[in-house]
Each structure stands twice: as C-alpha cells, then as structure tokens.
C-alpha cells in the first residue's frame, strides 16, 4: 500500500522539473567559435566563422546576437551582425559584414534568458581581415569558471590596446 501511494509523487516531480524552465537551464550558457568554417558543408559555405551555443555540453538553439566594433582609416564604426542558422543544433554561421580593412572586435553573445548569468560573450579580435584572438571572459564562482558580462570599456580596450605584432601591420 505505501509503495502505491508514493507512485503518483514519483511521477509528478520529474514532470514538474521538465516543465520548469529554470530547472531545465540551471547554470550559464556557453559560446564557442569555430574557424575556419567547413567549406564542404552547404550550410556554412562562405561563412567567416561559426558560433556554437551550448548549455553545459548540449548544443542549444539559444538566440545569438552580435556586433562588429571597429576602426577603419581612423573612423570608429559599429555594425549590427546577422547570423544564419545551420542544420546543426546550436550552430550559427556568421558571414563577413564588416569588410577586410581595419581593426575589429566582434562581440558575439548567446543568451538563454533575461538577467545576470544567462549570457555568454565571445570577443573575436580581427586585424586586416585575420582573426588573432578569441576570448570568452569568465569569472570564478566557487569551483566553476563561468562567463561574465563584458563592458563597453573592455571592448574599447580591445581596439585600443592591440598587440605589438598587429600594430606593426597597420
């Protein structure tokens, strides 16, 4: 008799957990950048790079947003980027929308909801069309490294404080 009375509770708890978005997405998302994109894959052919969105190790179709912040011939520029979905879950193709001249930082983000801790941002630094750095800024929380918010000042610093080898090419 006792086992039978516990059965409905055992079935209800997992159902409630699956229906609760906060439980399903506990923890931050992750972003990774793939380049070069595979030229033999029709969905990514011609893409400058691919953005991968994850929740822990699982590819997710989280919204991807981005902008290109740059300096071209001494002029400051900002371009809102658009992304193409690919056939693979959580993979988005980014085509070059900023050109090959100048110094650029792509600010690419995946988001799994509103509020702190629900986004991951990659900073992709480009000089004269070539990627020379990809970073996902993180912070330590307990035993975990988690993505942290990126400030406008940090983005500006990526354009201003370029490594010597890149500055020499200008």
Foldseek 3Di string as FASTA:
>chain_A
DVVVVCVVVVVVVVVVLVVDLCNVQPAEKEKDKDPDDDCVAPQANQFNIKIAIGRVPHTAQFDKWKWKWWAFPNDTDIGTFDWDDGPDGRIIGGHDPPDQAGKIWMWMKGAPDDDFRGMWIWIFIHHSNHTDDIDTDWDDDPPDTGGGDDDPVNRVCCHVVPDPVRVVVD
